[in-house]
C-alpha atoms as a PDB file:
ATOM      1  CA  MET A   1     -13.761  14.879   7.340  1.00  0.00           C
ATOM      2  CA  VAL A   2     -15.168  13.096   4.290  1.00  0.00           C
ATOM      3  CA  CYS A   3     -14.740  14.424   0.786  1.00  0.00           C
ATOM      4  CA  SER A   4     -18.294  14.491  -0.496  1.00  0.00           C
ATOM      5  CA  ILE A   5     -17.593  15.644  -4.052  1.00  0.00           C
ATOM      6  CA  PHE A   6     -15.499  13.697  -6.536  1.00  0.00           C
ATOM      7  CA  MET A   7     -14.119  15.898  -9.305  1.00  0.00           C
ATOM      8  CA  CYS A   8     -12.366  14.914 -12.487  1.00  0.00           C
ATOM      9  CA  GLY A   9     -11.854  17.727 -14.962  1.00  0.00           C
ATOM     10  CA  GLU A  10     -15.191  19.348 -15.763  1.00  0.00           C
ATOM     11  CA  TYR A  11     -17.133  16.378 -14.394  1.00  0.00           C
ATOM     12  CA  SER A  12     -18.097  16.060 -10.740  1.00  0.00           C
ATOM     13  CA  ILE A  13     -20.172  13.708  -8.615  1.00  0.00           C
ATOM     14  CA  ASN A  14     -21.775  14.750  -5.363  1.00  0.00           C
ATOM     15  CA  LEU A  15     -21.259  11.753  -3.060  1.00  0.00           C
ATOM     16  CA  THR A  16     -23.257  13.134  -0.130  1.00  0.00           C
ATOM     17  CA  PRO A  17     -26.465  11.213  -0.941  1.00  0.00           C
ATOM     18  CA  TYR A  18     -24.520   7.947  -1.084  1.00  0.00           C
ATOM     19  CA  ILE A  19     -22.665   8.301   2.249  1.00  0.00           C
ATOM     20  CA  SER A  20     -24.266   6.841   5.337  1.00  0.00           C
ATOM     21  CA  GLY A  21     -23.437   7.376   9.005  1.00  0.00           C
ATOM     22  CA  SER A  22     -22.399  10.582  10.684  1.00  0.00           C
ATOM     23  CA  ALA A  23     -19.814   9.648  13.333  1.00  0.00           C
ATOM     24  CA  GLN A  24     -17.993   7.356  10.884  1.00  0.00           C
ATOM     25  CA  PRO A  25     -19.274   8.131   7.398  1.00  0.00           C
ATOM     26  CA  LYS A  26     -19.025   5.254   4.951  1.00  0.00           C
ATOM     27  CA  LEU A  27     -19.783   4.445   1.372  1.00  0.00           C
ATOM     28  CA  ASN A  28     -21.050   0.878   1.146  1.00  0.00           C
ATOM     29  CA  LYS A  29     -21.026  -1.375  -1.916  1.00  0.00           C
ATOM     30  CA  LYS A  30     -24.753  -0.989  -2.620  1.00  0.00           C
ATOM     31  CA  ASN A  31     -24.513   2.804  -2.632  1.00  0.00           C
ATOM     32  CA  LEU A  32     -21.257   2.730  -4.567  1.00  0.00           C
ATOM     33  CA  ASN A  33     -22.821   0.577  -7.308  1.00  0.00           C
ATOM     34  CA  SER A  34     -25.725   2.998  -7.676  1.00  0.00           C
ATOM     35  CA  ILE A  35     -23.516   6.017  -8.450  1.00  0.00           C
ATOM     36  CA  LYS A  36     -23.844   7.201 -12.041  1.00  0.00           C
ATOM     37  CA  ILE A  37     -20.414   8.127 -13.353  1.00  0.00           C
ATOM     38  CA  PRO A  38     -20.537  10.680 -16.177  1.00  0.00           C
ATOM     39  CA  THR A  39     -18.576   9.892 -19.316  1.00  0.00           C
ATOM     40  CA  PRO A  40     -17.485  12.389 -21.938  1.00  0.00           C
ATOM     41  CA  PRO A  41     -19.239  12.474 -25.328  1.00  0.00           C
ATOM     42  CA  ARG A  42     -17.966  10.090 -28.035  1.00  0.00           C
ATOM     43  CA  ALA A  43     -16.108  12.874 -29.841  1.00  0.00           C
ATOM     44  CA  GLU A  44     -14.229  13.776 -26.649  1.00  0.00           C
ATOM     45  CA  GLN A  45     -13.474  10.098 -25.976  1.00  0.00           C
ATOM     46  CA  ALA A  46     -12.076   9.772 -29.520  1.00  0.00           C
ATOM     47  CA  ARG A  47      -9.898  12.852 -28.955  1.00  0.00           C
ATOM     48  CA  ILE A  48      -8.566  11.387 -25.690  1.00  0.00           C
ATOM     49  CA  VAL A  49      -7.859   8.047 -27.375  1.00  0.00           C
ATOM     50  CA  ALA A  50      -5.953   9.810 -30.175  1.00  0.00           C
ATOM     51  CA  ILE A  51      -3.791  11.642 -27.609  1.00  0.00           C
ATOM     52  CA  LEU A  52      -3.091   8.428 -25.692  1.00  0.00           C
ATOM     53  CA  ASP A  53      -2.285   6.550 -28.918  1.00  0.00           C
ATOM     54  CA  LYS A  54       0.174   9.279 -29.915  1.00  0.00           C
ATOM     55  CA  PHE A  55       1.752   9.131 -26.445  1.00  0.00           C
ATOM     56  CA  ASP A  56       2.021   5.324 -26.700  1.00  0.00           C
ATOM     57  CA  THR A  57       3.711   5.609 -30.092  1.00  0.00           C
ATOM     58  CA  LEU A  58       6.210   8.144 -28.740  1.00  0.00           C
ATOM     59  CA  THR A  59       7.091   6.096 -25.671  1.00  0.00           C
ATOM     60  CA  THR A  60       7.447   2.929 -27.734  1.00  0.00           C
ATOM     61  CA  SER A  61       9.633   4.798 -30.187  1.00  0.00           C
ATOM     62  CA  ILE A  62      11.796   6.104 -27.355  1.00  0.00           C
ATOM     63  CA  SER A  63      12.170   2.695 -25.703  1.00  0.00           C
ATOM     64  CA  GLU A  64      12.902   0.857 -28.970  1.00  0.00           C
ATOM     65  CA  GLY A  65      14.248   3.534 -31.316  1.00  0.00           C
ATOM     66  CA  LEU A  66      16.517   5.440 -28.955  1.00  0.00           C
ATOM     67  CA  PRO A  67      18.788   2.517 -28.009  1.00  0.00           C
ATOM     68  CA  ARG A  68      19.169   1.687 -31.728  1.00  0.00           C
ATOM     69  CA  GLU A  69      19.984   5.321 -32.521  1.00  0.00           C
ATOM     70  CA  ILE A  70      22.597   5.404 -29.733  1.00  0.00           C
ATOM     71  CA  GLU A  71      24.154   2.207 -31.098  1.00  0.00           C
ATOM     72  CA  LEU A  72      24.346   3.685 -34.611  1.00  0.00           C
ATOM     73  CA  ARG A  73      25.889   6.952 -33.342  1.00  0.00           C
ATOM     74  CA  GLN A  74      28.461   4.933 -31.360  1.00  0.00           C
ATOM     75  CA  LYS A  75      29.431   3.003 -34.513  1.00  0.00           C
ATOM     76  CA  GLN A  76      29.629   6.258 -36.474  1.00  0.00           C
ATOM     77  CA  TYR A  77      31.846   7.785 -33.799  1.00  0.00           C
ATOM     78  CA  GLU A  78      34.137   4.746 -33.796  1.00  0.00           C
ATOM     79  CA  TYR A  79      34.388   4.776 -37.603  1.00  0.00           C
ATOM     80  CA  TYR A  80      35.434   8.435 -37.781  1.00  0.00           C
ATOM     81  CA  ARG A  81      37.710   8.135 -34.746  1.00  0.00           C
ATOM     82  CA  ASP A  82      39.509   5.207 -36.358  1.00  0.00           C
ATOM     83  CA  LEU A  83      39.674   7.058 -39.678  1.00  0.00           C
ATOM     84  CA  LEU A  84      41.178  10.158 -38.064  1.00  0.00           C
ATOM     85  CA  LEU A  85      43.639   8.283 -35.865  1.00  0.00           C
ATOM     86  CA  SER A  86      44.914   5.768 -38.413  1.00  0.00           C
ATOM     87  CA  PHE A  87      47.965   6.677 -40.458  1.00  0.00           C
ATOM     88  CA  PRO A  88      49.116   4.935 -43.636  1.00  0.00           C
ATOM     89  CA  GLU A  89      52.057   2.541 -43.151  1.00  0.00           C
ATOM     90  CA  GLY A  90      55.437   4.254 -43.046  1.00  0.00           C
ATOM     91  CA  GLU A  91      54.073   7.804 -42.907  1.00  0.00           C
ATOM     92  CA  THR A  92      54.996   9.995 -39.961  1.00  0.00           C
ATOM     93  CA  THR A  93      53.258  13.078 -38.667  1.00  0.00           C
ATOM     94  CA  ASP A  94      55.962  15.304 -40.204  1.00  0.00           C
ATOM     95  CA  GLU A  95      55.283  13.946 -43.693  1.00  0.00           C
ATOM     96  CA  ARG A  96      51.549  14.616 -43.396  1.00  0.00           C
ATOM     97  CA  ARG A  97      51.978  18.374 -42.972  1.00  0.00           C
END
């Protein structure tokens, strides 16, 4: 069975006229090169680009910003841990109460 319709979102291409052979249907290079592939209008392309740019910014931020944020939180944790667990010289826990 050969899929004779290529669909992508609201756009579709009927491949039946470009397929040759019945026992073993094929799509040769000449026919493939003659297929007109629909493209969305410029406004839609701009909208798609904006979405992809936003996605790229988010993924870059996650891959670069997140490790830095984790490092800063680790340092903050260590600072407060050390502050809470350090006692002034000579002072015991009974004197602190």
